[in-house]
Amino acid sequence: MIIFGTKGYLYQLAILTLVCRHCGNPAAHTLRKRVIKFTLFFVPLFPFSTTYATQCTFCGAEQEVTKEWAERLQAQAAGAPGGEVYGQSQQPYQHPGV
């Protein structure tokens, strides 16, 4: 019997101040990366899906972005005063619904 499946990981890459396309407010947005990995016997082996999204902290609207756009936003966050990327985590946050 072979046991296989998927496991999702959610990485928070940065927090940026942007104007939301949904509510129009200038608010903090979190830039997140979702990675879904194939598992064999509950061991994650390789990623087969990676998506990037921003989420408005004011209204909660989420918008998917391309990898290039996410890299550009992350570089913008790295150029913030003090050179810090706010909210960068080394350990993935595992979303219960993924």
N, C-alpha and C. Protein backbone atom coordinates (compact mmCIF):
# COMPACT_ATOMS: atom_id res chain seq x y z
N MET A 1 0.84 -1.17 0.00
CA MET A 1 0.00 0.00 0.00
C MET A 1 0.89 1.24 0.00
N ILE A 2 0.65 2.14 -0.93
CA ILE A 2 1.42 3.38 -1.05
C ILE A 2 0.53 4.53 -0.60
N ILE A 3 1.05 5.32 0.33
CA ILE A 3 0.31 6.47 0.84
C ILE A 3 0.93 7.73 0.25
N PHE A 4 0.11 8.51 -0.48
CA PHE A 4 0.61 9.75 -1.07
C PHE A 4 -0.44 10.84 -0.92
N GLY A 5 -0.03 12.07 -1.12
CA GLY A 5 -0.95 13.19 -1.00
C GLY A 5 -0.22 14.51 -1.20
N THR A 6 -0.76 15.57 -0.59
CA THR A 6 -0.17 16.89 -0.70
C THR A 6 -0.13 17.56 0.66
N LYS A 7 0.75 18.55 0.77
CA LYS A 7 0.86 19.34 1.98
C LYS A 7 1.12 20.77 1.57
N GLY A 8 0.40 21.71 2.17
CA GLY A 8 0.55 23.11 1.80
C GLY A 8 1.35 23.89 2.83
N TYR A 9 2.13 24.84 2.34
CA TYR A 9 2.91 25.74 3.18
C TYR A 9 2.59 27.17 2.77
N LEU A 10 2.54 28.06 3.75
CA LEU A 10 2.27 29.47 3.49
C LEU A 10 3.40 30.28 4.10
N TYR A 11 4.14 30.99 3.25
CA TYR A 11 5.26 31.83 3.70
C TYR A 11 4.86 33.29 3.60
N GLN A 12 5.10 34.06 4.64
CA GLN A 12 4.88 35.50 4.60
C GLN A 12 6.20 36.15 4.21
N LEU A 13 6.22 36.79 3.04
CA LEU A 13 7.47 37.35 2.52
C LEU A 13 7.72 38.78 2.98
N ALA A 14 6.66 39.60 3.04
CA ALA A 14 6.85 41.01 3.40
C ALA A 14 5.50 41.63 3.74
N ILE A 15 5.58 42.81 4.36
CA ILE A 15 4.39 43.63 4.60
C ILE A 15 4.68 44.99 3.97
N LEU A 16 3.78 45.41 3.07
CA LEU A 16 3.96 46.64 2.30
C LEU A 16 2.76 47.55 2.48
N THR A 17 2.97 48.84 2.31
CA THR A 17 1.85 49.77 2.29
C THR A 17 1.52 50.06 0.84
N LEU A 18 0.33 49.63 0.42
CA LEU A 18 -0.15 49.80 -0.95
C LEU A 18 -1.57 50.33 -0.93
N VAL A 19 -2.03 50.84 -2.07
CA VAL A 19 -3.43 51.24 -2.20
C VAL A 19 -4.19 50.02 -2.69
N CYS A 20 -5.20 49.63 -1.93
CA CYS A 20 -5.98 48.43 -2.25
C CYS A 20 -6.84 48.66 -3.49
N ARG A 21 -6.85 47.69 -4.39
CA ARG A 21 -7.68 47.79 -5.59
C ARG A 21 -9.16 47.56 -5.28
N HIS A 22 -9.43 46.90 -4.17
CA HIS A 22 -10.81 46.59 -3.83
C HIS A 22 -11.48 47.72 -3.06
N CYS A 23 -10.86 48.18 -1.97
CA CYS A 23 -11.49 49.20 -1.12
C CYS A 23 -10.95 50.61 -1.37
N GLY A 24 -9.81 50.73 -2.04
CA GLY A 24 -9.25 52.04 -2.36
C GLY A 24 -8.50 52.71 -1.22
N ASN A 25 -8.32 52.04 -0.11
CA ASN A 25 -7.62 52.61 1.04
C ASN A 25 -6.13 52.31 0.97
N PRO A 26 -5.28 53.28 1.35
CA PRO A 26 -3.86 52.96 1.50
C PRO A 26 -3.68 52.19 2.81
N ALA A 27 -3.35 50.93 2.71
CA ALA A 27 -3.27 50.08 3.90
C ALA A 27 -2.10 49.10 3.74
N ALA A 28 -1.78 48.46 4.84
CA ALA A 28 -0.74 47.43 4.81
C ALA A 28 -1.26 46.20 4.06
N HIS A 29 -0.39 45.64 3.26
CA HIS A 29 -0.70 44.42 2.51
C HIS A 29 0.37 43.39 2.84
N THR A 30 -0.04 42.16 3.06
CA THR A 30 0.94 41.09 3.27
C THR A 30 1.20 40.40 1.94
N LEU A 31 2.45 40.16 1.66
CA LEU A 31 2.86 39.42 0.46
C LEU A 31 3.15 38.01 0.90
N ARG A 32 2.42 37.06 0.33
CA ARG A 32 2.53 35.65 0.75
C ARG A 32 2.83 34.75 -0.43
N LYS A 33 3.51 33.66 -0.11
CA LYS A 33 3.85 32.64 -1.09
C LYS A 33 3.24 31.33 -0.60
N ARG A 34 2.44 30.69 -1.44
CA ARG A 34 1.85 29.39 -1.12
C ARG A 34 2.55 28.32 -1.94
N VAL A 35 3.01 27.30 -1.26
CA VAL A 35 3.69 26.19 -1.92
C VAL A 35 2.96 24.90 -1.54
N ILE A 36 2.59 24.13 -2.54
CA ILE A 36 1.96 22.83 -2.30
C ILE A 36 2.96 21.76 -2.75
N LYS A 37 3.28 20.85 -1.84
CA LYS A 37 4.27 19.82 -2.12
C LYS A 37 3.61 18.44 -2.17
N PHE A 38 4.14 17.61 -3.04
CA PHE A 38 3.71 16.22 -3.14
C PHE A 38 4.35 15.45 -2.00
N THR A 39 3.57 14.60 -1.33
CA THR A 39 4.09 13.81 -0.22
C THR A 39 3.96 12.32 -0.52
N LEU A 40 4.93 11.58 -0.06
CA LEU A 40 4.92 10.13 -0.16
C LEU A 40 5.22 9.59 1.22
N PHE A 41 4.30 8.83 1.78
CA PHE A 41 4.39 8.34 3.15
C PHE A 41 4.59 9.52 4.13
N PHE A 42 3.83 10.60 3.91
CA PHE A 42 3.81 11.79 4.75
C PHE A 42 5.11 12.59 4.74
N VAL A 43 6.00 12.31 3.79
CA VAL A 43 7.25 13.05 3.65
C VAL A 43 7.13 13.95 2.42
N PRO A 44 7.22 15.29 2.61
CA PRO A 44 7.15 16.19 1.45
C PRO A 44 8.37 15.99 0.55
N LEU A 45 8.12 15.74 -0.74
CA LEU A 45 9.22 15.45 -1.66
C LEU A 45 9.57 16.62 -2.56
N PHE A 46 8.59 17.15 -3.30
CA PHE A 46 8.89 18.23 -4.24
C PHE A 46 7.66 19.12 -4.39
N PRO A 47 7.90 20.42 -4.66
CA PRO A 47 6.77 21.33 -4.86
C PRO A 47 6.21 21.15 -6.27
N PHE A 48 4.88 21.17 -6.38
CA PHE A 48 4.29 21.11 -7.71
C PHE A 48 3.38 22.30 -7.99
N SER A 49 3.19 23.16 -7.00
CA SER A 49 2.40 24.37 -7.22
C SER A 49 2.92 25.48 -6.31
N THR A 50 3.21 26.63 -6.91
CA THR A 50 3.64 27.80 -6.15
C THR A 50 2.86 29.00 -6.66
N THR A 51 2.20 29.72 -5.74
CA THR A 51 1.46 30.93 -6.10
C THR A 51 1.83 32.04 -5.13
N TYR A 52 1.68 33.26 -5.60
CA TYR A 52 1.96 34.45 -4.81
C TYR A 52 0.69 35.29 -4.74
N ALA A 53 0.47 35.95 -3.60
CA ALA A 53 -0.72 36.78 -3.44
C ALA A 53 -0.45 37.89 -2.44
N THR A 54 -1.18 38.98 -2.59
CA THR A 54 -1.17 40.06 -1.59
C THR A 54 -2.55 40.10 -0.96
N GLN A 55 -2.60 40.44 0.33
CA GLN A 55 -3.86 40.54 1.04
C GLN A 55 -3.91 41.86 1.79
N CYS A 56 -4.99 42.60 1.59
CA CYS A 56 -5.20 43.88 2.26
C CYS A 56 -5.59 43.63 3.72
N THR A 57 -4.93 44.32 4.64
CA THR A 57 -5.25 44.14 6.06
C THR A 57 -6.47 44.98 6.46
N PHE A 58 -6.91 45.88 5.59
CA PHE A 58 -8.07 46.71 5.90
C PHE A 58 -9.38 46.00 5.56
N CYS A 59 -9.48 45.50 4.33
CA CYS A 59 -10.73 44.86 3.91
C CYS A 59 -10.63 43.35 3.76
N GLY A 60 -9.40 42.81 3.74
CA GLY A 60 -9.21 41.37 3.63
C GLY A 60 -9.19 40.82 2.21
N ALA A 61 -9.31 41.70 1.21
CA ALA A 61 -9.31 41.25 -0.18
C ALA A 61 -7.94 40.69 -0.54
N GLU A 62 -7.95 39.58 -1.27
CA GLU A 62 -6.71 38.93 -1.68
C GLU A 62 -6.61 38.96 -3.18
N GLN A 63 -5.40 39.21 -3.68
CA GLN A 63 -5.19 39.27 -5.12
C GLN A 63 -3.95 38.48 -5.48
N GLU A 64 -4.09 37.56 -6.43
CA GLU A 64 -2.92 36.79 -6.87
C GLU A 64 -2.04 37.67 -7.74
N VAL A 65 -0.73 37.50 -7.61
CA VAL A 65 0.24 38.24 -8.41
C VAL A 65 1.22 37.25 -9.02
N THR A 66 1.89 37.69 -10.08
CA THR A 66 2.87 36.82 -10.73
C THR A 66 4.14 36.76 -9.89
N LYS A 67 4.99 35.81 -10.21
CA LYS A 67 6.26 35.65 -9.49
C LYS A 67 7.13 36.89 -9.67
N GLU A 68 7.16 37.43 -10.89
CA GLU A 68 7.98 38.61 -11.16
C GLU A 68 7.49 39.80 -10.35
N TRP A 69 6.17 39.99 -10.28
CA TRP A 69 5.60 41.10 -9.53
C TRP A 69 5.88 40.91 -8.03
N ALA A 70 5.79 39.70 -7.53
CA ALA A 70 6.08 39.42 -6.13
C ALA A 70 7.54 39.73 -5.81
N GLU A 71 8.45 39.36 -6.70
CA GLU A 71 9.86 39.66 -6.50
C GLU A 71 10.10 41.17 -6.49
N ARG A 72 9.39 41.89 -7.36
CA ARG A 72 9.51 43.34 -7.41
C ARG A 72 9.00 43.97 -6.11
N LEU A 73 7.87 43.49 -5.61
CA LEU A 73 7.33 44.00 -4.34
C LEU A 73 8.25 43.68 -3.18
N GLN A 74 8.85 42.50 -3.18
CA GLN A 74 9.76 42.13 -2.11
C GLN A 74 11.02 42.99 -2.15
N ALA A 75 11.50 43.31 -3.34
CA ALA A 75 12.66 44.20 -3.47
C ALA A 75 12.30 45.60 -2.98
N GLN A 76 11.08 46.03 -3.26
CA GLN A 76 10.61 47.33 -2.79
C GLN A 76 10.57 47.36 -1.27
N ALA A 77 10.13 46.27 -0.65
CA ALA A 77 10.08 46.19 0.81
C ALA A 77 11.49 46.18 1.39
N ALA A 78 12.42 45.55 0.70
CA ALA A 78 13.80 45.51 1.18
C ALA A 78 14.44 46.89 1.12
N GLY A 79 13.94 47.76 0.25
CA GLY A 79 14.46 49.11 0.14
C GLY A 79 13.79 50.07 1.10
N ALA A 80 12.98 49.57 2.02
CA ALA A 80 12.28 50.42 3.00
C ALA A 80 13.29 51.03 3.96
N PRO A 81 12.93 52.14 4.63
CA PRO A 81 13.85 52.74 5.59
C PRO A 81 14.33 51.73 6.62
N GLY A 82 15.62 51.69 6.83
CA GLY A 82 16.20 50.73 7.77
C GLY A 82 16.60 49.44 7.09
N GLY A 83 16.16 49.25 5.82
CA GLY A 83 16.52 48.07 5.07
C GLY A 83 15.90 46.78 5.57
N GLU A 84 14.83 46.87 6.34
CA GLU A 84 14.21 45.67 6.90
C GLU A 84 13.02 45.24 6.06
N VAL A 85 12.83 43.95 5.99
CA VAL A 85 11.63 43.38 5.40
C VAL A 85 10.75 42.96 6.55
N TYR A 86 9.67 43.65 6.75
CA TYR A 86 8.80 43.39 7.89
C TYR A 86 8.06 42.08 7.69
N GLY A 87 8.06 41.26 8.72
CA GLY A 87 7.28 40.03 8.71
C GLY A 87 7.94 38.88 7.98
N GLN A 88 9.21 38.98 7.63
CA GLN A 88 9.85 37.88 6.95
C GLN A 88 10.06 36.74 7.94
N SER A 89 9.66 35.56 7.55
CA SER A 89 9.78 34.43 8.48
C SER A 89 10.65 33.34 7.87
N GLN A 90 11.37 32.65 8.71
CA GLN A 90 12.20 31.55 8.27
C GLN A 90 11.40 30.25 8.26
N GLN A 91 10.44 30.12 9.16
CA GLN A 91 9.61 28.92 9.24
C GLN A 91 8.28 29.18 8.53
N PRO A 92 7.78 28.24 7.75
CA PRO A 92 6.51 28.44 7.07
C PRO A 92 5.35 28.38 8.04
N TYR A 93 4.35 29.21 7.77
CA TYR A 93 3.10 29.15 8.51
C TYR A 93 2.22 28.17 7.78
N GLN A 94 1.78 27.14 8.44
CA GLN A 94 0.97 26.13 7.78
C GLN A 94 -0.50 26.47 7.95
N HIS A 95 -1.11 26.80 6.84
CA HIS A 95 -2.52 27.17 6.83
C HIS A 95 -3.35 25.90 6.95
N PRO A 96 -4.31 25.86 7.88
CA PRO A 96 -5.07 24.62 8.08
C PRO A 96 -5.94 24.24 6.89
N GLY A 97 -6.31 25.22 6.04
CA GLY A 97 -7.20 24.91 4.93
C GLY A 97 -6.49 24.53 3.66
N VAL A 98 -5.17 24.53 3.64
CA VAL A 98 -4.44 24.24 2.39
C VAL A 98 -4.04 22.79 2.38
